[in-house]
PDB file of N, CA and C in Angstrom:
ATOM      1  N   MET A   1      65.968 -14.117  27.521  1.00  0.00           N
ATOM      2  CA  MET A   1      65.220 -14.167  26.269  1.00  0.00           C
ATOM      3  C   MET A   1      63.953 -14.994  26.513  1.00  0.00           C
ATOM      4  N   SER A   2      62.824 -14.435  26.125  1.00  0.00           N
ATOM      5  CA  SER A   2      61.549 -15.117  26.344  1.00  0.00           C
ATOM      6  C   SER A   2      61.337 -16.206  25.288  1.00  0.00           C
ATOM      7  N   ASN A   3      60.405 -17.112  25.577  1.00  0.00           N
ATOM      8  CA  ASN A   3      60.074 -18.165  24.605  1.00  0.00           C
ATOM      9  C   ASN A   3      59.561 -17.564  23.300  1.00  0.00           C
ATOM     10  N   GLU A   4      58.843 -16.443  23.404  1.00  0.00           N
ATOM     11  CA  GLU A   4      58.334 -15.788  22.198  1.00  0.00           C
ATOM     12  C   GLU A   4      59.474 -15.259  21.336  1.00  0.00           C
ATOM     13  N   GLU A   5      60.500 -14.694  22.004  1.00  0.00           N
ATOM     14  CA  GLU A   5      61.670 -14.198  21.270  1.00  0.00           C
ATOM     15  C   GLU A   5      62.452 -15.347  20.639  1.00  0.00           C
ATOM     16  N   ILE A   6      62.572 -16.445  21.377  1.00  0.00           N
ATOM     17  CA  ILE A   6      63.247 -17.637  20.842  1.00  0.00           C
ATOM     18  C   ILE A   6      62.487 -18.142  19.622  1.00  0.00           C
ATOM     19  N   LEU A   7      61.158 -18.244  19.747  1.00  0.00           N
ATOM     20  CA  LEU A   7      60.334 -18.720  18.631  1.00  0.00           C
ATOM     21  C   LEU A   7      60.510 -17.824  17.412  1.00  0.00           C
ATOM     22  N   SER A   8      60.474 -16.531  17.621  1.00  0.00           N
ATOM     23  CA  SER A   8      60.599 -15.594  16.507  1.00  0.00           C
ATOM     24  C   SER A   8      61.926 -15.768  15.776  1.00  0.00           C
ATOM     25  N   THR A   9      63.012 -15.860  16.527  1.00  0.00           N
ATOM     26  CA  THR A   9      64.331 -16.052  15.922  1.00  0.00           C
ATOM     27  C   THR A   9      64.411 -17.401  15.220  1.00  0.00           C
ATOM     28  N   LEU A  10      63.878 -18.428  15.866  1.00  0.00           N
ATOM     29  CA  LEU A  10      63.898 -19.766  15.283  1.00  0.00           C
ATOM     30  C   LEU A  10      63.058 -19.827  14.015  1.00  0.00           C
ATOM     31  N   GLN A  11      61.922 -19.145  14.009  1.00  0.00           N
ATOM     32  CA  GLN A  11      61.086 -19.095  12.808  1.00  0.00           C
ATOM     33  C   GLN A  11      61.868 -18.502  11.632  1.00  0.00           C
ATOM     34  N   GLU A  12      62.613 -17.453  11.890  1.00  0.00           N
ATOM     35  CA  GLU A  12      63.405 -16.828  10.831  1.00  0.00           C
ATOM     36  C   GLU A  12      64.480 -17.778  10.314  1.00  0.00           C
ATOM     37  N   LEU A  13      65.166 -18.473  11.227  1.00  0.00           N
ATOM     38  CA  LEU A  13      66.200 -19.435  10.823  1.00  0.00           C
ATOM     39  C   LEU A  13      65.607 -20.557   9.976  1.00  0.00           C
ATOM     40  N   VAL A  14      64.500 -21.108  10.451  1.00  0.00           N
ATOM     41  CA  VAL A  14      63.865 -22.234   9.759  1.00  0.00           C
ATOM     42  C   VAL A  14      63.298 -21.790   8.414  1.00  0.00           C
ATOM     43  N   ALA A  15      62.673 -20.625   8.389  1.00  0.00           N
ATOM     44  CA  ALA A  15      62.108 -20.119   7.136  1.00  0.00           C
ATOM     45  C   ALA A  15      63.195 -19.954   6.080  1.00  0.00           C
ATOM     46  N   GLU A  16      64.343 -19.437   6.495  1.00  0.00           N
ATOM     47  CA  GLU A  16      65.446 -19.246   5.557  1.00  0.00           C
ATOM     48  C   GLU A  16      66.010 -20.592   5.097  1.00  0.00           C
ATOM     49  N   GLN A  17      66.227 -21.500   6.027  1.00  0.00           N
ATOM     50  CA  GLN A  17      66.839 -22.786   5.688  1.00  0.00           C
ATOM     51  C   GLN A  17      65.932 -23.655   4.824  1.00  0.00           C
ATOM     52  N   PHE A  18      64.627 -23.626   5.095  1.00  0.00           N
ATOM     53  CA  PHE A  18      63.708 -24.520   4.405  1.00  0.00           C
ATOM     54  C   PHE A  18      62.866 -23.824   3.338  1.00  0.00           C
ATOM     55  N   ALA A  19      63.136 -22.547   3.121  1.00  0.00           N
ATOM     56  CA  ALA A  19      62.434 -21.762   2.091  1.00  0.00           C
ATOM     57  C   ALA A  19      60.914 -21.839   2.250  1.00  0.00           C
ATOM     58  N   VAL A  20      60.462 -21.564   3.482  1.00  0.00           N
ATOM     59  CA  VAL A  20      59.026 -21.512   3.776  1.00  0.00           C
ATOM     60  C   VAL A  20      58.716 -20.156   4.399  1.00  0.00           C
ATOM     61  N   ASP A  21      57.423 -19.808   4.424  1.00  0.00           N
ATOM     62  CA  ASP A  21      57.001 -18.550   5.029  1.00  0.00           C
ATOM     63  C   ASP A  21      57.117 -18.633   6.544  1.00  0.00           C
ATOM     64  N   VAL A  22      57.586 -17.555   7.153  1.00  0.00           N
ATOM     65  CA  VAL A  22      57.715 -17.491   8.610  1.00  0.00           C
ATOM     66  C   VAL A  22      56.377 -17.780   9.274  1.00  0.00           C
ATOM     67  N   GLU A  23      55.297 -17.246   8.691  1.00  0.00           N
ATOM     68  CA  GLU A  23      53.967 -17.402   9.284  1.00  0.00           C
ATOM     69  C   GLU A  23      53.493 -18.860   9.318  1.00  0.00           C
ATOM     70  N   SER A  24      54.083 -19.699   8.472  1.00  0.00           N
ATOM     71  CA  SER A  24      53.663 -21.104   8.426  1.00  0.00           C
ATOM     72  C   SER A  24      54.325 -21.944   9.518  1.00  0.00           C
ATOM     73  N   ILE A  25      55.263 -21.363  10.239  1.00  0.00           N
ATOM     74  CA  ILE A  25      56.009 -22.099  11.259  1.00  0.00           C
ATOM     75  C   ILE A  25      55.410 -21.812  12.628  1.00  0.00           C
ATOM     76  N   THR A  26      54.904 -22.868  13.264  1.00  0.00           N
ATOM     77  CA  THR A  26      54.310 -22.746  14.594  1.00  0.00           C
ATOM     78  C   THR A  26      55.034 -23.677  15.553  1.00  0.00           C
ATOM     79  N   LEU A  27      54.636 -23.627  16.809  1.00  0.00           N
ATOM     80  CA  LEU A  27      55.234 -24.528  17.796  1.00  0.00           C
ATOM     81  C   LEU A  27      54.979 -25.997  17.452  1.00  0.00           C
ATOM     82  N   LYS A  28      53.888 -26.260  16.740  1.00  0.00           N
ATOM     83  CA  LYS A  28      53.523 -27.639  16.401  1.00  0.00           C
ATOM     84  C   LYS A  28      54.126 -28.118  15.084  1.00  0.00           C
ATOM     85  N   THR A  29      54.837 -27.244  14.369  1.00  0.00           N
ATOM     86  CA  THR A  29      55.436 -27.633  13.089  1.00  0.00           C
ATOM     87  C   THR A  29      56.449 -28.741  13.317  1.00  0.00           C
ATOM     88  N   SER A  30      56.264 -29.859  12.610  1.00  0.00           N
ATOM     89  CA  SER A  30      57.180 -30.994  12.702  1.00  0.00           C
ATOM     90  C   SER A  30      58.367 -30.761  11.777  1.00  0.00           C
ATOM     91  N   LEU A  31      59.557 -30.912  12.336  1.00  0.00           N
ATOM     92  CA  LEU A  31      60.763 -30.712  11.535  1.00  0.00           C
ATOM     93  C   LEU A  31      60.841 -31.709  10.387  1.00  0.00           C
ATOM     94  N   ALA A  32      60.532 -32.959  10.655  1.00  0.00           N
ATOM     95  CA  ALA A  32      60.635 -33.989   9.616  1.00  0.00           C
ATOM     96  C   ALA A  32      59.388 -34.033   8.738  1.00  0.00           C
ATOM     97  N   ASP A  33      58.222 -34.109   9.361  1.00  0.00           N
ATOM     98  CA  ASP A  33      56.983 -34.307   8.598  1.00  0.00           C
ATOM     99  C   ASP A  33      56.551 -33.062   7.823  1.00  0.00           C
ATOM    100  N   ASP A  34      56.574 -31.908   8.479  1.00  0.00           N
ATOM    101  CA  ASP A  34      56.093 -30.686   7.826  1.00  0.00           C
ATOM    102  C   ASP A  34      57.158 -30.001   6.976  1.00  0.00           C
ATOM    103  N   LEU A  35      58.411 -30.081   7.421  1.00  0.00           N
ATOM    104  CA  LEU A  35      59.481 -29.380   6.714  1.00  0.00           C
ATOM    105  C   LEU A  35      60.338 -30.311   5.858  1.00  0.00           C
ATOM    106  N   GLY A  36      60.194 -31.614   6.061  1.00  0.00           N
ATOM    107  CA  GLY A  36      60.969 -32.572   5.282  1.00  0.00           C
ATOM    108  C   GLY A  36      62.449 -32.580   5.630  1.00  0.00           C
ATOM    109  N   ALA A  37      62.779 -32.240   6.866  1.00  0.00           N
ATOM    110  CA  ALA A  37      64.181 -32.176   7.286  1.00  0.00           C
ATOM    111  C   ALA A  37      64.823 -33.554   7.278  1.00  0.00           C
ATOM    112  N   ASP A  38      66.015 -33.617   6.679  1.00  0.00           N
ATOM    113  CA  ASP A  38      66.804 -34.846   6.738  1.00  0.00           C
ATOM    114  C   ASP A  38      67.995 -34.608   7.663  1.00  0.00           C
ATOM    115  N   SER A  39      68.886 -35.574   7.759  1.00  0.00           N
ATOM    116  CA  SER A  39      69.996 -35.463   8.709  1.00  0.00           C
ATOM    117  C   SER A  39      70.898 -34.271   8.405  1.00  0.00           C
ATOM    118  N   VAL A  40      71.119 -33.966   7.150  1.00  0.00           N
ATOM    119  CA  VAL A  40      71.941 -32.812   6.781  1.00  0.00           C
ATOM    120  C   VAL A  40      71.246 -31.520   7.207  1.00  0.00           C
ATOM    121  N   ASP A  41      69.926 -31.457   6.993  1.00  0.00           N
ATOM    122  CA  ASP A  41      69.160 -30.281   7.412  1.00  0.00           C
ATOM    123  C   ASP A  41      69.253 -30.076   8.921  1.00  0.00           C
ATOM    124  N   PHE A  42      69.173 -31.175   9.682  1.00  0.00           N
ATOM    125  CA  PHE A  42      69.265 -31.072  11.133  1.00  0.00           C
ATOM    126  C   PHE A  42      70.621 -30.513  11.550  1.00  0.00           C
ATOM    127  N   VAL A  43      71.689 -31.008  10.946  1.00  0.00           N
ATOM    128  CA  VAL A  43      73.037 -30.527  11.279  1.00  0.00           C
ATOM    129  C   VAL A  43      73.149 -29.034  10.981  1.00  0.00           C
ATOM    130  N   GLU A  44      72.661 -28.622   9.820  1.00  0.00           N
ATOM    131  CA  GLU A  44      72.719 -27.201   9.460  1.00  0.00           C
ATOM    132  C   GLU A  44      71.881 -26.357  10.408  1.00  0.00           C
ATOM    133  N   LEU A  45      70.719 -26.853  10.795  1.00  0.00           N
ATOM    134  CA  LEU A  45      69.862 -26.120  11.716  1.00  0.00           C
ATOM    135  C   LEU A  45      70.522 -26.004  13.095  1.00  0.00           C
ATOM    136  N   VAL A  46      71.125 -27.086  13.553  1.00  0.00           N
ATOM    137  CA  VAL A  46      71.815 -27.061  14.849  1.00  0.00           C
ATOM    138  C   VAL A  46      72.934 -26.022  14.825  1.00  0.00           C
ATOM    139  N   MET A  47      73.702 -25.990  13.748  1.00  0.00           N
ATOM    140  CA  MET A  47      74.781 -25.007  13.644  1.00  0.00           C
ATOM    141  C   MET A  47      74.226 -23.587  13.649  1.00  0.00           C
ATOM    142  N   ALA A  48      73.119 -23.363  12.966  1.00  0.00           N
ATOM    143  CA  ALA A  48      72.500 -22.042  12.942  1.00  0.00           C
ATOM    144  C   ALA A  48      71.991 -21.655  14.335  1.00  0.00           C
ATOM    145  N   ILE A  49      71.416 -22.622  15.048  1.00  0.00           N
ATOM    146  CA  ILE A  49      70.929 -22.371  16.415  1.00  0.00           C
ATOM    147  C   ILE A  49      72.099 -22.039  17.338  1.00  0.00           C
ATOM    148  N   GLU A  50      73.170 -22.811  17.236  1.00  0.00           N
ATOM    149  CA  GLU A  50      74.342 -22.561  18.073  1.00  0.00           C
ATOM    150  C   GLU A  50      74.844 -21.133  17.891  1.00  0.00           C
ATOM    151  N   GLU A  51      74.894 -20.690  16.642  1.00  0.00           N
ATOM    152  CA  GLU A  51      75.393 -19.354  16.343  1.00  0.00           C
ATOM    153  C   GLU A  51      74.397 -18.266  16.749  1.00  0.00           C
ATOM    154  N   ALA A  52      73.140 -18.444  16.399  1.00  0.00           N
ATOM    155  CA  ALA A  52      72.131 -17.404  16.648  1.00  0.00           C
ATOM    156  C   ALA A  52      71.869 -17.191  18.136  1.00  0.00           C
ATOM    157  N   PHE A  53      71.910 -18.272  18.909  1.00  0.00           N
ATOM    158  CA  PHE A  53      71.567 -18.167  20.324  1.00  0.00           C
ATOM    159  C   PHE A  53      72.791 -18.218  21.235  1.00  0.00           C
ATOM    160  N   ASP A  54      73.981 -18.424  20.664  1.00  0.00           N
ATOM    161  CA  ASP A  54      75.228 -18.473  21.429  1.00  0.00           C
ATOM    162  C   ASP A  54      75.126 -19.442  22.610  1.00  0.00           C
ATOM    163  N   VAL A  55      74.686 -20.670  22.302  1.00  0.00           N
ATOM    164  CA  VAL A  55      74.485 -21.683  23.346  1.00  0.00           C
ATOM    165  C   VAL A  55      75.615 -22.707  23.403  1.00  0.00           C
ATOM    166  N   GLY A  56      76.683 -22.461  22.664  1.00  0.00           N
ATOM    167  CA  GLY A  56      77.769 -23.423  22.639  1.00  0.00           C
ATOM    168  C   GLY A  56      77.406 -24.603  21.752  1.00  0.00           C
ATOM    169  N   GLU A  57      78.210 -25.640  21.838  1.00  0.00           N
ATOM    170  CA  GLU A  57      77.993 -26.803  20.976  1.00  0.00           C
ATOM    171  C   GLU A  57      76.836 -27.652  21.495  1.00  0.00           C
ATOM    172  N   ILE A  58      75.923 -27.981  20.606  1.00  0.00           N
ATOM    173  CA  ILE A  58      74.785 -28.840  20.937  1.00  0.00           C
ATOM    174  C   ILE A  58      75.145 -30.262  20.522  1.00  0.00           C
ATOM    175  N   GLN A  59      75.059 -31.175  21.466  1.00  0.00           N
ATOM    176  CA  GLN A  59      75.381 -32.570  21.187  1.00  0.00           C
ATOM    177  C   GLN A  59      74.281 -33.219  20.344  1.00  0.00           C
ATOM    178  N   ASP A  60      74.677 -34.158  19.494  1.00  0.00           N
ATOM    179  CA  ASP A  60      73.711 -34.836  18.621  1.00  0.00           C
ATOM    180  C   ASP A  60      72.555 -35.451  19.404  1.00  0.00           C
ATOM    181  N   GLU A  61      72.883 -36.095  20.528  1.00  0.00           N
ATOM    182  CA  GLU A  61      71.835 -36.766  21.295  1.00  0.00           C
ATOM    183  C   GLU A  61      70.850 -35.766  21.902  1.00  0.00           C
ATOM    184  N   ASP A  62      71.286 -34.535  22.123  1.00  0.00           N
ATOM    185  CA  ASP A  62      70.382 -33.509  22.635  1.00  0.00           C
ATOM    186  C   ASP A  62      69.349 -33.122  21.590  1.00  0.00           C
ATOM    187  N   PHE A  63      69.772 -33.088  20.339  1.00  0.00           N
ATOM    188  CA  PHE A  63      68.876 -32.606  19.289  1.00  0.00           C
ATOM    189  C   PHE A  63      68.019 -33.711  18.690  1.00  0.00           C
ATOM    190  N   THR A  64      68.402 -34.978  18.864  1.00  0.00           N
ATOM    191  CA  THR A  64      67.635 -36.062  18.249  1.00  0.00           C
ATOM    192  C   THR A  64      66.233 -36.184  18.822  1.00  0.00           C
ATOM    193  N   GLY A  65      66.004 -35.720  20.038  1.00  0.00           N
ATOM    194  CA  GLY A  65      64.684 -35.793  20.643  1.00  0.00           C
ATOM    195  C   GLY A  65      63.748 -34.695  20.181  1.00  0.00           C
ATOM    196  N   MET A  66      64.275 -33.744  19.442  1.00  0.00           N
ATOM    197  CA  MET A  66      63.451 -32.625  18.994  1.00  0.00           C
ATOM    198  C   MET A  66      62.689 -33.002  17.733  1.00  0.00           C
ATOM    199  N   LYS A  67      61.386 -33.019  17.849  1.00  0.00           N
ATOM    200  CA  LYS A  67      60.538 -33.377  16.717  1.00  0.00           C
ATOM    201  C   LYS A  67      59.810 -32.173  16.139  1.00  0.00           C
ATOM    202  N   THR A  68      59.540 -31.185  17.002  1.00  0.00           N
ATOM    203  CA  THR A  68      58.767 -30.016  16.570  1.00  0.00           C
ATOM    204  C   THR A  68      59.528 -28.728  16.882  1.00  0.00           C
ATOM    205  N   ILE A  69      59.037 -27.646  16.332  1.00  0.00           N
ATOM    206  CA  ILE A  69      59.599 -26.330  16.639  1.00  0.00           C
ATOM    207  C   ILE A  69      59.442 -26.049  18.138  1.00  0.00           C
ATOM    208  N   GLY A  70      58.328 -26.455  18.709  1.00  0.00           N
ATOM    209  CA  GLY A  70      58.112 -26.288  20.154  1.00  0.00           C
ATOM    210  C   GLY A  70      59.170 -26.996  20.974  1.00  0.00           C
ATOM    211  N   ASP A  71      59.549 -28.206  20.562  1.00  0.00           N
ATOM    212  CA  ASP A  71      60.624 -28.935  21.245  1.00  0.00           C
ATOM    213  C   ASP A  71      61.924 -28.142  21.188  1.00  0.00           C
ATOM    214  N   ALA A  72      62.207 -27.574  20.030  1.00  0.00           N
ATOM    215  CA  ALA A  72      63.435 -26.795  19.846  1.00  0.00           C
ATOM    216  C   ALA A  72      63.416 -25.541  20.717  1.00  0.00           C
ATOM    217  N   VAL A  73      62.269 -24.862  20.782  1.00  0.00           N
ATOM    218  CA  VAL A  73      62.149 -23.667  21.627  1.00  0.00           C
ATOM    219  C   VAL A  73      62.410 -24.032  23.068  1.00  0.00           C
ATOM    220  N   ALA A  74      61.809 -25.121  23.550  1.00  0.00           N
ATOM    221  CA  ALA A  74      62.001 -25.546  24.944  1.00  0.00           C
ATOM    222  C   ALA A  74      63.450 -25.895  25.206  1.00  0.00           C
ATOM    223  N   PHE A  75      64.097 -26.568  24.275  1.00  0.00           N
ATOM    224  CA  PHE A  75      65.507 -26.937  24.422  1.00  0.00           C
ATOM    225  C   PHE A  75      66.372 -25.690  24.530  1.00  0.00           C
ATOM    226  N   ILE A  76      66.167 -24.749  23.603  1.00  0.00           N
ATOM    227  CA  ILE A  76      66.961 -23.525  23.584  1.00  0.00           C
ATOM    228  C   ILE A  76      66.736 -22.721  24.862  1.00  0.00           C
ATOM    229  N   ALA A  77      65.478 -22.626  25.294  1.00  0.00           N
ATOM    230  CA  ALA A  77      65.165 -21.905  26.529  1.00  0.00           C
ATOM    231  C   ALA A  77      65.904 -22.525  27.708  1.00  0.00           C
ATOM    232  N   GLY A  78      65.964 -23.861  27.744  1.00  0.00           N
ATOM    233  CA  GLY A  78      66.684 -24.548  28.801  1.00  0.00           C
ATOM    234  C   GLY A  78      68.170 -24.277  28.778  1.00  0.00           C
ATOM    235  N   LYS A  79      68.735 -24.162  27.587  1.00  0.00           N
ATOM    236  CA  LYS A  79      70.172 -23.868  27.445  1.00  0.00           C
ATOM    237  C   LYS A  79      70.486 -22.428  27.852  1.00  0.00           C
ATOM    238  N   LEU A  80      69.544 -21.522  27.630  1.00  0.00           N
ATOM    239  CA  LEU A  80      69.777 -20.108  27.930  1.00  0.00           C
ATOM    240  C   LEU A  80      69.579 -19.767  29.397  1.00  0.00           C
ATOM    241  N   ASN A  81      68.856 -20.609  30.120  1.00  0.00           N
ATOM    242  CA  ASN A  81      68.566 -20.319  31.540  1.00  0.00           C
ATOM    243  C   ASN A  81      69.492 -21.055  32.466  1.00  0.00           C
TER     244      ASN A  81
END
C-alpha cells in the first residue's frame, strides 16, 4: 500500500470521526491543534486504524509521538512494510 493510499484511507477515517471535510485533511493537519483530538479521540482513532489497515494492536507509546496526519501515515507505512 502506497503512502498516498494510506493517506486517502486515513483521511476518510479522520473525516468521519471528527466530522470534517476530507479535503481539509493534509499531511500537516495537527491531530490536537487542528482537529481538537483528546485522549478518547486518539483511542478511537487508533482502533479505527488497527481495523482499517489490519496492523494488529498499536501500543499507546507508539501513537503518542504522532502529532500530525503525516506522522500517522509514516507510522502506518512502517507497520505495513
